[in-house]
Amino acid sequence: MAKERELPPPLEMACLNALWEMGEGNVEEVRTFVSRSRPLAYTTVLTLLDRLSRRGAVSRRKEGRGFHYQPSIDRDKLRRLALGHLLEHHFNGSLGSLRSFIEPPADGLPQSAGQLPEVELPEDTDPGSPAPPPDEPPSAWLTPNTPSGSET
């Protein structure tokens, strides 16, 4: 995959996850698998698989009038890349900082194994969107930075 976009966006990732689970499949098989969690149109999955193919993340072979796709990138390699990005962008490259974030709090309250600390989101925030920085209100984080007194 290209350097400027090393990690696939969420929908492409869903298609890759489907192919890793199935081994290989055609557009309809991938669409059916992905649609368990998020309904997508056939043409959407076709476009996603075509993009992944052009980037080299999946290979395809002609079968009848369509193609059969299979992943050509290793799942663990992509996981390591994603973890590297997470460490670099959210923990200043520090594995120790990540560990201290994941480990149970010092207050001694039990936490389920593998459970990440809960983050409180403002009530008007979509749970799927990133949380605003703690020192700024959500509205300030979501609006573009413009000097005070100027309008866009």
N, C-alpha and C. Protein backbone atom coordinates (compact mmCIF):
# COMPACT_ATOMS: atom_id res chain seq x y z
N MET A 1 0.85 -1.18 0.00
CA MET A 1 0.00 0.00 0.00
C MET A 1 0.89 1.23 0.00
N ALA A 2 0.40 2.33 -0.54
CA ALA A 2 1.18 3.55 -0.68
C ALA A 2 1.54 4.14 0.68
N LYS A 3 2.68 4.82 0.74
CA LYS A 3 3.17 5.40 1.99
C LYS A 3 2.21 6.44 2.55
N GLU A 4 1.65 7.31 1.69
CA GLU A 4 0.81 8.39 2.20
C GLU A 4 -0.49 7.87 2.81
N ARG A 5 -0.85 6.66 2.52
CA ARG A 5 -2.08 6.11 3.06
C ARG A 5 -1.82 4.65 3.40
N GLU A 6 -1.00 4.42 4.40
CA GLU A 6 -0.58 3.07 4.72
C GLU A 6 -1.69 2.23 5.32
N LEU A 7 -2.53 2.84 6.14
CA LEU A 7 -3.63 2.09 6.77
C LEU A 7 -4.91 2.30 5.98
N PRO A 8 -5.62 1.22 5.69
CA PRO A 8 -6.87 1.36 4.95
C PRO A 8 -7.93 2.06 5.79
N PRO A 9 -8.81 2.83 5.14
CA PRO A 9 -9.93 3.43 5.86
C PRO A 9 -10.89 2.33 6.35
N PRO A 10 -11.83 2.67 7.23
CA PRO A 10 -12.69 1.67 7.88
C PRO A 10 -13.43 0.71 6.94
N LEU A 11 -14.02 1.19 5.87
CA LEU A 11 -14.77 0.28 5.00
C LEU A 11 -13.85 -0.68 4.25
N GLU A 12 -12.69 -0.19 3.83
CA GLU A 12 -11.73 -1.09 3.20
C GLU A 12 -11.23 -2.10 4.22
N MET A 13 -11.05 -1.66 5.45
CA MET A 13 -10.62 -2.56 6.52
C MET A 13 -11.67 -3.64 6.75
N ALA A 14 -12.95 -3.29 6.68
CA ALA A 14 -14.03 -4.27 6.85
C ALA A 14 -13.95 -5.34 5.75
N CYS A 15 -13.65 -4.92 4.52
CA CYS A 15 -13.52 -5.88 3.42
C CYS A 15 -12.29 -6.78 3.63
N LEU A 16 -11.19 -6.19 4.08
CA LEU A 16 -10.00 -6.98 4.36
C LEU A 16 -10.27 -7.99 5.47
N ASN A 17 -10.94 -7.55 6.53
CA ASN A 17 -11.27 -8.46 7.63
C ASN A 17 -12.13 -9.62 7.14
N ALA A 18 -13.08 -9.32 6.26
CA ALA A 18 -13.92 -10.38 5.69
C ALA A 18 -13.07 -11.37 4.91
N LEU A 19 -12.17 -10.87 4.09
CA LEU A 19 -11.32 -11.76 3.28
C LEU A 19 -10.37 -12.56 4.16
N TRP A 20 -9.84 -11.97 5.23
CA TRP A 20 -8.97 -12.72 6.13
C TRP A 20 -9.74 -13.85 6.80
N GLU A 21 -11.00 -13.60 7.13
CA GLU A 21 -11.82 -14.64 7.76
C GLU A 21 -12.21 -15.73 6.77
N MET A 22 -12.56 -15.33 5.54
CA MET A 22 -13.04 -16.28 4.53
C MET A 22 -11.91 -16.94 3.75
N GLY A 23 -10.77 -16.28 3.67
CA GLY A 23 -9.69 -16.78 2.84
C GLY A 23 -9.72 -16.16 1.46
N GLU A 24 -10.86 -16.21 0.82
CA GLU A 24 -11.09 -15.57 -0.47
C GLU A 24 -12.58 -15.49 -0.71
N GLY A 25 -12.98 -14.66 -1.65
CA GLY A 25 -14.40 -14.55 -1.96
C GLY A 25 -14.66 -13.58 -3.08
N ASN A 26 -15.86 -13.68 -3.65
CA ASN A 26 -16.26 -12.72 -4.68
C ASN A 26 -16.95 -11.53 -4.01
N VAL A 27 -17.36 -10.57 -4.79
CA VAL A 27 -17.94 -9.34 -4.24
C VAL A 27 -19.16 -9.65 -3.38
N GLU A 28 -20.05 -10.51 -3.86
CA GLU A 28 -21.27 -10.82 -3.11
C GLU A 28 -20.96 -11.52 -1.79
N GLU A 29 -19.99 -12.41 -1.80
CA GLU A 29 -19.62 -13.10 -0.55
C GLU A 29 -19.03 -12.12 0.46
N VAL A 30 -18.19 -11.22 -0.01
CA VAL A 30 -17.61 -10.21 0.88
C VAL A 30 -18.72 -9.28 1.38
N ARG A 31 -19.63 -8.87 0.49
CA ARG A 31 -20.73 -7.99 0.88
C ARG A 31 -21.60 -8.65 1.94
N THR A 32 -21.90 -9.93 1.78
CA THR A 32 -22.71 -10.66 2.75
C THR A 32 -22.02 -10.71 4.11
N PHE A 33 -20.72 -10.97 4.10
CA PHE A 33 -19.96 -11.04 5.34
C PHE A 33 -19.93 -9.69 6.05
N VAL A 34 -19.62 -8.63 5.30
CA VAL A 34 -19.53 -7.28 5.87
C VAL A 34 -20.90 -6.79 6.33
N SER A 35 -21.95 -7.20 5.63
CA SER A 35 -23.30 -6.72 5.94
C SER A 35 -23.84 -7.24 7.26
N ARG A 36 -23.15 -8.20 7.87
CA ARG A 36 -23.56 -8.65 9.21
C ARG A 36 -23.50 -7.51 10.20
N SER A 37 -22.51 -6.63 10.02
CA SER A 37 -22.36 -5.51 10.95
C SER A 37 -22.72 -4.16 10.32
N ARG A 38 -22.62 -4.06 9.00
CA ARG A 38 -22.92 -2.79 8.34
C ARG A 38 -23.39 -3.06 6.92
N PRO A 39 -24.66 -2.83 6.65
CA PRO A 39 -25.19 -3.09 5.30
C PRO A 39 -24.53 -2.19 4.25
N LEU A 40 -24.03 -2.81 3.19
CA LEU A 40 -23.40 -2.07 2.10
C LEU A 40 -23.96 -2.57 0.78
N ALA A 41 -24.02 -1.68 -0.19
CA ALA A 41 -24.47 -2.04 -1.53
C ALA A 41 -23.39 -2.84 -2.25
N TYR A 42 -23.82 -3.67 -3.17
CA TYR A 42 -22.90 -4.48 -3.98
C TYR A 42 -21.86 -3.58 -4.65
N THR A 43 -22.32 -2.47 -5.24
CA THR A 43 -21.40 -1.59 -5.97
C THR A 43 -20.39 -0.92 -5.03
N THR A 44 -20.79 -0.67 -3.79
CA THR A 44 -19.86 -0.09 -2.82
C THR A 44 -18.74 -1.08 -2.53
N VAL A 45 -19.09 -2.34 -2.28
CA VAL A 45 -18.08 -3.37 -1.99
C VAL A 45 -17.21 -3.58 -3.21
N LEU A 46 -17.79 -3.57 -4.40
CA LEU A 46 -17.03 -3.70 -5.63
C LEU A 46 -15.98 -2.59 -5.74
N THR A 47 -16.37 -1.35 -5.45
CA THR A 47 -15.45 -0.22 -5.49
C THR A 47 -14.35 -0.37 -4.45
N LEU A 48 -14.72 -0.78 -3.23
CA LEU A 48 -13.74 -0.96 -2.16
C LEU A 48 -12.71 -2.03 -2.52
N LEU A 49 -13.18 -3.15 -3.05
CA LEU A 49 -12.28 -4.23 -3.44
C LEU A 49 -11.39 -3.81 -4.60
N ASP A 50 -11.93 -3.02 -5.52
CA ASP A 50 -11.13 -2.53 -6.64
C ASP A 50 -10.01 -1.62 -6.13
N ARG A 51 -10.34 -0.73 -5.19
CA ARG A 51 -9.32 0.15 -4.60
C ARG A 51 -8.23 -0.67 -3.90
N LEU A 52 -8.65 -1.65 -3.12
CA LEU A 52 -7.68 -2.50 -2.41
C LEU A 52 -6.80 -3.25 -3.40
N SER A 53 -7.39 -3.67 -4.51
CA SER A 53 -6.62 -4.37 -5.54
C SER A 53 -5.59 -3.45 -6.18
N ARG A 54 -5.99 -2.22 -6.51
CA ARG A 54 -5.07 -1.27 -7.12
C ARG A 54 -3.92 -0.92 -6.18
N ARG A 55 -4.17 -0.93 -4.87
CA ARG A 55 -3.13 -0.61 -3.89
C ARG A 55 -2.27 -1.82 -3.53
N GLY A 56 -2.66 -3.00 -4.01
CA GLY A 56 -1.87 -4.20 -3.74
C GLY A 56 -2.21 -4.89 -2.44
N ALA A 57 -3.28 -4.50 -1.77
CA ALA A 57 -3.67 -5.12 -0.50
C ALA A 57 -4.43 -6.43 -0.72
N VAL A 58 -5.06 -6.57 -1.89
CA VAL A 58 -5.73 -7.82 -2.25
C VAL A 58 -5.33 -8.17 -3.68
N SER A 59 -5.37 -9.45 -3.97
CA SER A 59 -5.16 -9.89 -5.34
C SER A 59 -6.48 -10.43 -5.84
N ARG A 60 -6.63 -10.46 -7.16
CA ARG A 60 -7.89 -10.97 -7.71
C ARG A 60 -7.59 -11.80 -8.94
N ARG A 61 -8.49 -12.75 -9.16
CA ARG A 61 -8.37 -13.56 -10.36
C ARG A 61 -9.74 -13.63 -11.02
N LYS A 62 -9.73 -13.60 -12.32
CA LYS A 62 -10.97 -13.62 -13.10
C LYS A 62 -11.62 -14.99 -12.97
N GLU A 63 -12.89 -14.98 -12.68
CA GLU A 63 -13.66 -16.22 -12.59
C GLU A 63 -15.03 -15.95 -13.18
N GLY A 64 -15.25 -16.45 -14.39
CA GLY A 64 -16.51 -16.16 -15.09
C GLY A 64 -16.55 -14.70 -15.47
N ARG A 65 -17.64 -14.03 -15.11
CA ARG A 65 -17.77 -12.60 -15.43
C ARG A 65 -17.26 -11.71 -14.30
N GLY A 66 -16.86 -12.29 -13.19
CA GLY A 66 -16.41 -11.50 -12.04
C GLY A 66 -15.02 -11.90 -11.58
N PHE A 67 -14.69 -11.47 -10.39
CA PHE A 67 -13.39 -11.75 -9.81
C PHE A 67 -13.54 -12.42 -8.45
N HIS A 68 -12.54 -13.18 -8.10
CA HIS A 68 -12.40 -13.73 -6.75
C HIS A 68 -11.22 -12.98 -6.12
N TYR A 69 -11.41 -12.49 -4.92
CA TYR A 69 -10.41 -11.68 -4.23
C TYR A 69 -9.83 -12.46 -3.06
N GLN A 70 -8.55 -12.22 -2.78
CA GLN A 70 -7.95 -12.76 -1.57
C GLN A 70 -6.93 -11.76 -1.06
N PRO A 71 -6.75 -11.70 0.26
CA PRO A 71 -5.82 -10.72 0.81
C PRO A 71 -4.39 -11.03 0.40
N SER A 72 -3.64 -10.00 0.07
CA SER A 72 -2.23 -10.21 -0.27
C SER A 72 -1.33 -9.49 0.75
N ILE A 73 -1.94 -8.90 1.76
CA ILE A 73 -1.19 -8.29 2.85
C ILE A 73 -1.46 -9.10 4.11
N ASP A 74 -0.44 -9.34 4.88
CA ASP A 74 -0.55 -10.13 6.09
C ASP A 74 -1.29 -9.34 7.18
N ARG A 75 -2.25 -9.99 7.82
CA ARG A 75 -3.05 -9.35 8.86
C ARG A 75 -2.18 -8.84 10.00
N ASP A 76 -1.22 -9.64 10.44
CA ASP A 76 -0.35 -9.22 11.54
C ASP A 76 0.55 -8.06 11.16
N LYS A 77 0.97 -8.02 9.90
CA LYS A 77 1.79 -6.89 9.44
C LYS A 77 0.99 -5.60 9.51
N LEU A 78 -0.26 -5.65 9.10
CA LEU A 78 -1.12 -4.47 9.16
C LEU A 78 -1.43 -4.09 10.61
N ARG A 79 -1.59 -5.08 11.47
CA ARG A 79 -1.81 -4.81 12.90
C ARG A 79 -0.61 -4.10 13.50
N ARG A 80 0.60 -4.56 13.17
CA ARG A 80 1.81 -3.92 13.69
C ARG A 80 1.92 -2.49 13.19
N LEU A 81 1.58 -2.28 11.94
CA LEU A 81 1.60 -0.93 11.37
C LEU A 81 0.60 -0.03 12.09
N ALA A 82 -0.61 -0.54 12.33
CA ALA A 82 -1.64 0.24 13.04
C ALA A 82 -1.20 0.55 14.47
N LEU A 83 -0.62 -0.43 15.13
CA LEU A 83 -0.13 -0.22 16.49
C LEU A 83 0.99 0.82 16.51
N GLY A 84 1.85 0.77 15.51
CA GLY A 84 2.91 1.76 15.39
C GLY A 84 2.35 3.17 15.25
N HIS A 85 1.31 3.31 14.42
CA HIS A 85 0.66 4.61 14.25
C HIS A 85 0.01 5.06 15.55
N LEU A 86 -0.66 4.14 16.24
CA LEU A 86 -1.29 4.46 17.51
C LEU A 86 -0.25 4.96 18.51
N LEU A 87 0.84 4.23 18.63
CA LEU A 87 1.91 4.63 19.56
C LEU A 87 2.48 6.00 19.19
N GLU A 88 2.77 6.18 17.91
CA GLU A 88 3.41 7.42 17.46
C GLU A 88 2.50 8.62 17.66
N HIS A 89 1.24 8.49 17.30
CA HIS A 89 0.34 9.65 17.29
C HIS A 89 -0.38 9.91 18.60
N HIS A 90 -0.52 8.90 19.45
CA HIS A 90 -1.30 9.08 20.67
C HIS A 90 -0.50 8.89 21.95
N PHE A 91 0.68 8.29 21.84
CA PHE A 91 1.48 8.02 23.03
C PHE A 91 2.94 8.43 22.84
N ASN A 92 3.20 9.36 21.91
CA ASN A 92 4.55 9.86 21.65
C ASN A 92 5.57 8.74 21.45
N GLY A 93 5.14 7.65 20.85
CA GLY A 93 6.03 6.54 20.57
C GLY A 93 6.41 5.70 21.78
N SER A 94 5.76 5.94 22.91
CA SER A 94 6.13 5.27 24.15
C SER A 94 5.22 4.08 24.45
N LEU A 95 5.81 2.89 24.39
CA LEU A 95 5.07 1.69 24.74
C LEU A 95 4.69 1.71 26.23
N GLY A 96 5.57 2.30 27.05
CA GLY A 96 5.29 2.44 28.48
C GLY A 96 4.05 3.28 28.74
N SER A 97 3.88 4.37 27.97
CA SER A 97 2.69 5.21 28.12
C SER A 97 1.42 4.43 27.74
N LEU A 98 1.51 3.64 26.69
CA LEU A 98 0.37 2.81 26.30
C LEU A 98 0.04 1.81 27.40
N ARG A 99 1.07 1.15 27.93
CA ARG A 99 0.85 0.17 29.01
C ARG A 99 0.19 0.82 30.21
N SER A 100 0.67 2.00 30.60
CA SER A 100 0.08 2.64 31.78
C SER A 100 -1.36 3.08 31.50
N PHE A 101 -1.68 3.36 30.26
CA PHE A 101 -3.06 3.72 29.89
C PHE A 101 -3.97 2.50 30.00
N ILE A 102 -3.46 1.33 29.61
CA ILE A 102 -4.27 0.12 29.57
C ILE A 102 -4.35 -0.57 30.93
N GLU A 103 -3.29 -0.47 31.73
CA GLU A 103 -3.26 -1.16 33.02
C GLU A 103 -4.36 -0.66 33.95
N PRO A 104 -4.77 -1.51 34.90
CA PRO A 104 -5.81 -1.11 35.86
C PRO A 104 -5.40 0.14 36.63
N PRO A 105 -6.38 0.97 36.98
CA PRO A 105 -6.06 2.18 37.73
C PRO A 105 -5.50 1.85 39.11
N ALA A 106 -4.76 2.79 39.67
CA ALA A 106 -4.12 2.60 40.96
C ALA A 106 -5.11 2.58 42.12
N ASP A 107 -6.38 2.94 41.87
CA ASP A 107 -7.35 2.98 42.97
C ASP A 107 -7.77 1.58 43.42
N GLY A 108 -7.26 0.55 42.75
CA GLY A 108 -7.50 -0.82 43.19
C GLY A 108 -8.82 -1.41 42.72
N LEU A 109 -9.65 -0.64 42.02
CA LEU A 109 -10.91 -1.20 41.54
C LEU A 109 -10.61 -2.21 40.45
N PRO A 110 -11.26 -3.39 40.50
CA PRO A 110 -10.98 -4.41 39.48
C PRO A 110 -11.47 -3.95 38.11
N GLN A 111 -10.72 -4.36 37.10
CA GLN A 111 -11.07 -4.07 35.72
C GLN A 111 -10.96 -5.37 34.95
N SER A 112 -11.91 -5.65 34.09
CA SER A 112 -11.88 -6.89 33.32
C SER A 112 -10.60 -6.96 32.51
N ALA A 113 -10.07 -8.16 32.36
CA ALA A 113 -8.86 -8.36 31.57
C ALA A 113 -9.11 -7.92 30.14
N GLY A 114 -8.20 -7.14 29.61
CA GLY A 114 -8.32 -6.69 28.22
C GLY A 114 -9.27 -5.53 28.03
N GLN A 115 -9.90 -5.05 29.09
CA GLN A 115 -10.84 -3.94 28.96
C GLN A 115 -10.09 -2.62 29.04
N LEU A 116 -10.31 -1.77 28.07
CA LEU A 116 -9.66 -0.47 28.07
C LEU A 116 -10.39 0.47 29.02
N PRO A 117 -9.68 1.46 29.55
CA PRO A 117 -10.34 2.43 30.42
C PRO A 117 -11.48 3.13 29.68
N GLU A 118 -12.55 3.40 30.40
CA GLU A 118 -13.69 4.08 29.78
C GLU A 118 -13.40 5.56 29.64
N VAL A 119 -13.88 6.15 28.56
CA VAL A 119 -13.73 7.57 28.31
C VAL A 119 -15.12 8.16 28.28
N GLU A 120 -15.34 9.20 29.06
CA GLU A 120 -16.65 9.84 29.07
C GLU A 120 -16.75 10.79 27.89
N LEU A 121 -17.84 10.66 27.13
CA LEU A 121 -18.10 11.54 26.01
C LEU A 121 -19.24 12.48 26.38
N PRO A 122 -19.20 13.72 25.90
CA PRO A 122 -20.34 14.59 26.12
C PRO A 122 -21.59 13.95 25.51
N GLU A 123 -22.75 14.27 26.07
CA GLU A 123 -23.98 13.63 25.62
C GLU A 123 -24.29 13.88 24.16
N ASP A 124 -23.90 15.04 23.61
CA ASP A 124 -24.22 15.35 22.22
C ASP A 124 -23.17 14.84 21.23
N THR A 125 -22.26 14.00 21.69
CA THR A 125 -21.19 13.47 20.83
C THR A 125 -21.54 12.08 20.35
N ASP A 126 -21.32 11.83 19.08
CA ASP A 126 -21.52 10.51 18.49
C ASP A 126 -20.43 9.59 19.02
N PRO A 127 -20.79 8.40 19.58
CA PRO A 127 -19.78 7.50 20.13
C PRO A 127 -18.75 7.05 19.11
N GLY A 128 -19.06 7.11 17.83
CA GLY A 128 -18.11 6.70 16.81
C GLY A 128 -17.10 7.76 16.45
N SER A 129 -17.30 9.01 16.92
CA SER A 129 -16.37 10.07 16.60
C SER A 129 -15.34 10.24 17.70
N PRO A 130 -14.18 10.78 17.37
CA PRO A 130 -13.15 10.92 18.39
C PRO A 130 -13.55 11.91 19.47
N ALA A 131 -13.08 11.70 20.67
CA ALA A 131 -13.40 12.59 21.79
C ALA A 131 -12.56 13.85 21.68
N PRO A 132 -13.11 15.00 22.10
CA PRO A 132 -12.33 16.23 22.07
C PRO A 132 -11.25 16.20 23.14
N PRO A 133 -10.21 17.02 22.98
CA PRO A 133 -9.20 17.09 24.02
C PRO A 133 -9.85 17.51 25.34
N PRO A 134 -9.36 17.00 26.48
CA PRO A 134 -10.02 17.26 27.75
C PRO A 134 -10.05 18.72 28.16
N ASP A 135 -9.11 19.55 27.69
CA ASP A 135 -9.08 20.93 28.12
C ASP A 135 -9.89 21.87 27.24
N GLU A 136 -10.58 21.35 26.23
CA GLU A 136 -11.39 22.18 25.36
C GLU A 136 -12.80 21.63 25.29
N PRO A 137 -13.80 22.52 25.22
CA PRO A 137 -15.17 22.03 25.04
C PRO A 137 -15.33 21.44 23.65
N PRO A 138 -16.28 20.49 23.47
CA PRO A 138 -16.44 19.84 22.16
C PRO A 138 -16.66 20.83 21.02
N SER A 139 -17.42 21.90 21.26
CA SER A 139 -17.70 22.83 20.18
C SER A 139 -16.42 23.52 19.69
N ALA A 140 -15.48 23.81 20.61
CA ALA A 140 -14.23 24.45 20.21
C ALA A 140 -13.37 23.50 19.39
N TRP A 141 -13.43 22.22 19.72
CA TRP A 141 -12.62 21.24 19.03
C TRP A 141 -13.13 20.98 17.62
N LEU A 142 -14.45 21.04 17.43
CA LEU A 142 -15.05 20.71 16.14
C LEU A 142 -15.06 21.87 15.16
N THR A 143 -14.85 23.11 15.63
CA THR A 143 -14.87 24.25 14.73
C THR A 143 -13.46 24.56 14.28
N PRO A 144 -13.31 25.08 13.06
CA PRO A 144 -11.96 25.38 12.57
C PRO A 144 -11.33 26.49 13.40
N ASN A 145 -10.01 26.46 13.52
CA ASN A 145 -9.29 27.53 14.24
C ASN A 145 -9.23 28.76 13.36
N THR A 146 -9.86 29.82 13.81
CA THR A 146 -9.78 31.11 13.12
C THR A 146 -9.45 32.15 14.16
N PRO A 147 -8.66 33.13 13.80
CA PRO A 147 -8.36 34.18 14.76
C PRO A 147 -9.64 34.86 15.24
N SER A 148 -9.69 35.25 16.50
CA SER A 148 -10.89 35.86 17.04
C SER A 148 -11.17 37.16 16.31
N GLY A 149 -12.45 37.36 16.02
CA GLY A 149 -12.88 38.56 15.33
C GLY A 149 -12.89 38.42 13.82
N SER A 150 -12.36 37.34 13.29
CA SER A 150 -12.39 37.15 11.84
C SER A 150 -13.38 36.06 11.48
N GLU A 151 -13.95 36.18 10.33
CA GLU A 151 -14.91 35.18 9.87
C GLU A 151 -14.42 34.58 8.58
N THR A 152 -14.90 33.37 8.31
CA THR A 152 -14.49 32.69 7.09
C THR A 152 -15.50 32.84 6.01
